[in-house]
Structures are given as structure tokens and as C-alpha cells.
Amino acid sequence: MYTRFILAMAMLIGVAACTNSKTATEADFGNSKASLIKAQTANPAVLSNPTSDPVTGVDPDYAGNVIEAMRENVSKGEEVQQPISIRVGGQQGSN
């Protein structure tokens, strides 16, 4: 009798684990990516009505700002050439 009860409970738990209910994370999956793409688009109206025409130019002010931002964020050689220290567990030493 006790074995049947355990078997029945195991089967109930197994069936309950196979339900199709979505968690809160699964229900919202992909919306974060979509909102980031929309936020990074210079002209969001094009997302809903895309064109097959090739890009023939760019706004000069926008391009200038992008180039300046890229130049400001370049790493300095002195910063990049620092030694890398990797420690595993409780190892002692300077390397």
C-alpha cells in the first residue's frame, strides 16, 4: 500500500512538471532585445516599414559624434600592457 502511494505521488509530480504554464521570465522573453534594437535605431519608423533601397549617406553630425566617441574610448597602450594575474583557489604568489 505504501509503495503504491509513493508511486502515485511520483507520477503526480511528474505530470505536474510537464505542464505548459509559462513563468514570468518566459512570458517576457525577447521583449528586452526588441526594445534595445528599437532604442538603438536612428529612425524607428523604418523598423515597421523597411525599405530595400541601399543606404546612400549618413547625417554628418551623427557620423561626427560617432567618430568622436570611438576616438575617446580607445585604450592607452600603457593600460593594455599590464600583466594579467590569474589566481585559482587559495594559491599564494605574485603570478
C-alpha atoms as a PDB file:
ATOM      1  CA  MET A   1       0.000   0.000   0.000  1.00  0.00           C
ATOM      2  CA  TYR A   2       2.799   2.385   0.960  1.00  0.00           C
ATOM      3  CA  THR A   3       4.633   1.643  -2.313  1.00  0.00           C
ATOM      4  CA  ARG A   4       1.524   2.443  -4.375  1.00  0.00           C
ATOM      5  CA  PHE A   5       1.153   5.757  -2.562  1.00  0.00           C
ATOM      6  CA  ILE A   6       4.768   6.729  -3.298  1.00  0.00           C
ATOM      7  CA  LEU A   7       4.401   5.631  -6.923  1.00  0.00           C
ATOM      8  CA  ALA A   8       1.175   7.636  -7.308  1.00  0.00           C
ATOM      9  CA  MET A   9       2.792  10.752  -5.784  1.00  0.00           C
ATOM     10  CA  ALA A  10       5.819  10.404  -8.074  1.00  0.00           C
ATOM     11  CA  MET A  11       3.545  10.165 -11.099  1.00  0.00           C
ATOM     12  CA  LEU A  12       1.540  13.209  -9.964  1.00  0.00           C
ATOM     13  CA  ILE A  13       4.701  15.236  -9.509  1.00  0.00           C
ATOM     14  CA  GLY A  14       5.968  14.092 -12.915  1.00  0.00           C
ATOM     15  CA  VAL A  15       2.745  15.116 -14.651  1.00  0.00           C
ATOM     16  CA  ALA A  16       2.684  18.462 -12.830  1.00  0.00           C
ATOM     17  CA  ALA A  17       6.231  19.191 -14.012  1.00  0.00           C
ATOM     18  CA  CYS A  18       5.172  18.760 -17.645  1.00  0.00           C
ATOM     19  CA  THR A  19       2.502  21.474 -17.682  1.00  0.00           C
ATOM     20  CA  ASN A  20       2.647  24.277 -20.240  1.00  0.00           C
ATOM     21  CA  SER A  21       2.356  27.206 -17.848  1.00  0.00           C
ATOM     22  CA  LYS A  22       4.903  29.902 -18.644  1.00  0.00           C
ATOM     23  CA  THR A  23       6.934  31.580 -15.953  1.00  0.00           C
ATOM     24  CA  ALA A  24       7.147  35.372 -15.793  1.00  0.00           C
ATOM     25  CA  THR A  25      10.558  35.238 -17.469  1.00  0.00           C
ATOM     26  CA  GLU A  26       9.331  33.062 -20.324  1.00  0.00           C
ATOM     27  CA  ALA A  27       6.265  35.255 -20.909  1.00  0.00           C
ATOM     28  CA  ASP A  28       8.511  38.340 -21.332  1.00  0.00           C
ATOM     29  CA  PHE A  29      11.270  36.570 -23.279  1.00  0.00           C
ATOM     30  CA  GLY A  30      12.572  38.610 -26.226  1.00  0.00           C
ATOM     31  CA  ASN A  31      10.964  41.926 -25.283  1.00  0.00           C
ATOM     32  CA  SER A  32      14.205  43.253 -23.804  1.00  0.00           C
ATOM     33  CA  LYS A  33      16.113  42.562 -27.024  1.00  0.00           C
ATOM     34  CA  ALA A  34      13.370  44.124 -29.127  1.00  0.00           C
ATOM     35  CA  SER A  35      13.310  47.290 -27.002  1.00  0.00           C
ATOM     36  CA  LEU A  36      17.106  47.638 -27.222  1.00  0.00           C
ATOM     37  CA  ILE A  37      17.045  47.312 -31.009  1.00  0.00           C
ATOM     38  CA  LYS A  38      14.296  49.917 -31.223  1.00  0.00           C
ATOM     39  CA  ALA A  39      16.218  52.279 -28.907  1.00  0.00           C
ATOM     40  CA  GLN A  40      19.392  51.967 -31.000  1.00  0.00           C
ATOM     41  CA  THR A  41      17.648  52.689 -34.291  1.00  0.00           C
ATOM     42  CA  ALA A  42      18.204  56.219 -35.599  1.00  0.00           C
ATOM     43  CA  ASN A  43      14.797  56.245 -37.333  1.00  0.00           C
ATOM     44  CA  PRO A  44      12.352  53.900 -35.511  1.00  0.00           C
ATOM     45  CA  ALA A  45       9.674  54.372 -38.203  1.00  0.00           C
ATOM     46  CA  VAL A  46      11.821  52.321 -40.608  1.00  0.00           C
ATOM     47  CA  LEU A  47      11.513  49.262 -38.337  1.00  0.00           C
ATOM     48  CA  SER A  48       7.801  48.946 -39.048  1.00  0.00           C
ATOM     49  CA  ASN A  49       8.113  49.808 -42.766  1.00  0.00           C
ATOM     50  CA  PRO A  50      11.571  48.678 -44.007  1.00  0.00           C
ATOM     51  CA  THR A  51      12.844  49.575 -47.451  1.00  0.00           C
ATOM     52  CA  SER A  52      15.036  47.569 -49.812  1.00  0.00           C
ATOM     53  CA  ASP A  53      16.862  50.676 -51.092  1.00  0.00           C
ATOM     54  CA  PRO A  54      20.601  50.788 -50.292  1.00  0.00           C
ATOM     55  CA  VAL A  55      21.924  53.323 -47.794  1.00  0.00           C
ATOM     56  CA  THR A  56      23.428  56.220 -49.728  1.00  0.00           C
ATOM     57  CA  GLY A  57      24.512  58.581 -46.968  1.00  0.00           C
ATOM     58  CA  VAL A  58      24.570  59.468 -43.301  1.00  0.00           C
ATOM     59  CA  ASP A  59      23.784  62.533 -41.237  1.00  0.00           C
ATOM     60  CA  PRO A  60      27.128  64.386 -40.917  1.00  0.00           C
ATOM     61  CA  ASP A  61      26.539  65.472 -37.308  1.00  0.00           C
ATOM     62  CA  TYR A  62      25.622  61.935 -36.276  1.00  0.00           C
ATOM     63  CA  ALA A  63      28.673  60.485 -38.036  1.00  0.00           C
ATOM     64  CA  GLY A  64      30.940  63.080 -36.422  1.00  0.00           C
ATOM     65  CA  ASN A  65      29.592  62.244 -32.959  1.00  0.00           C
ATOM     66  CA  VAL A  66      30.108  58.524 -33.532  1.00  0.00           C
ATOM     67  CA  ILE A  67      33.696  59.023 -34.686  1.00  0.00           C
ATOM     68  CA  GLU A  68      34.496  61.285 -31.717  1.00  0.00           C
ATOM     69  CA  ALA A  69      33.037  58.747 -29.282  1.00  0.00           C
ATOM     70  CA  MET A  70      35.125  55.986 -30.844  1.00  0.00           C
ATOM     71  CA  ARG A  71      38.308  58.061 -30.618  1.00  0.00           C
ATOM     72  CA  GLU A  72      37.719  58.978 -26.957  1.00  0.00           C
ATOM     73  CA  ASN A  73      37.224  55.368 -25.844  1.00  0.00           C
ATOM     74  CA  VAL A  74      40.439  53.945 -27.313  1.00  0.00           C
ATOM     75  CA  SER A  75      42.571  52.203 -24.678  1.00  0.00           C
ATOM     76  CA  LYS A  76      46.002  53.599 -23.927  1.00  0.00           C
ATOM     77  CA  GLY A  77      48.999  51.353 -24.602  1.00  0.00           C
ATOM     78  CA  GLU A  78      50.222  51.634 -21.003  1.00  0.00           C
ATOM     79  CA  GLU A  79      46.884  50.385 -19.669  1.00  0.00           C
ATOM     80  CA  VAL A  80      46.664  47.444 -22.048  1.00  0.00           C
ATOM     81  CA  GLN A  81      50.181  46.116 -21.390  1.00  0.00           C
ATOM     82  CA  GLN A  82      49.614  45.496 -17.658  1.00  0.00           C
ATOM     83  CA  PRO A  83      50.353  41.890 -16.566  1.00  0.00           C
ATOM     84  CA  ILE A  84      47.405  39.570 -16.130  1.00  0.00           C
ATOM     85  CA  SER A  85      47.182  37.875 -12.730  1.00  0.00           C
ATOM     86  CA  ILE A  86      45.107  34.703 -12.512  1.00  0.00           C
ATOM     87  CA  ARG A  87      44.541  33.090  -9.129  1.00  0.00           C
ATOM     88  CA  VAL A  88      42.919  29.696  -8.696  1.00  0.00           C
ATOM     89  CA  GLY A  89      41.577  28.684  -5.310  1.00  0.00           C
ATOM     90  CA  GLY A  90      43.848  29.594  -2.423  1.00  0.00           C
ATOM     91  CA  GLN A  91      47.162  29.731  -4.308  1.00  0.00           C
ATOM     92  CA  GLN A  92      49.790  32.067  -2.951  1.00  0.00           C
ATOM     93  CA  GLY A  93      52.287  34.012  -5.007  1.00  0.00           C
ATOM     94  CA  SER A  94      52.587  37.075  -7.196  1.00  0.00           C
ATOM     95  CA  ASN A  95      51.853  35.381 -10.554  1.00  0.00           C
END
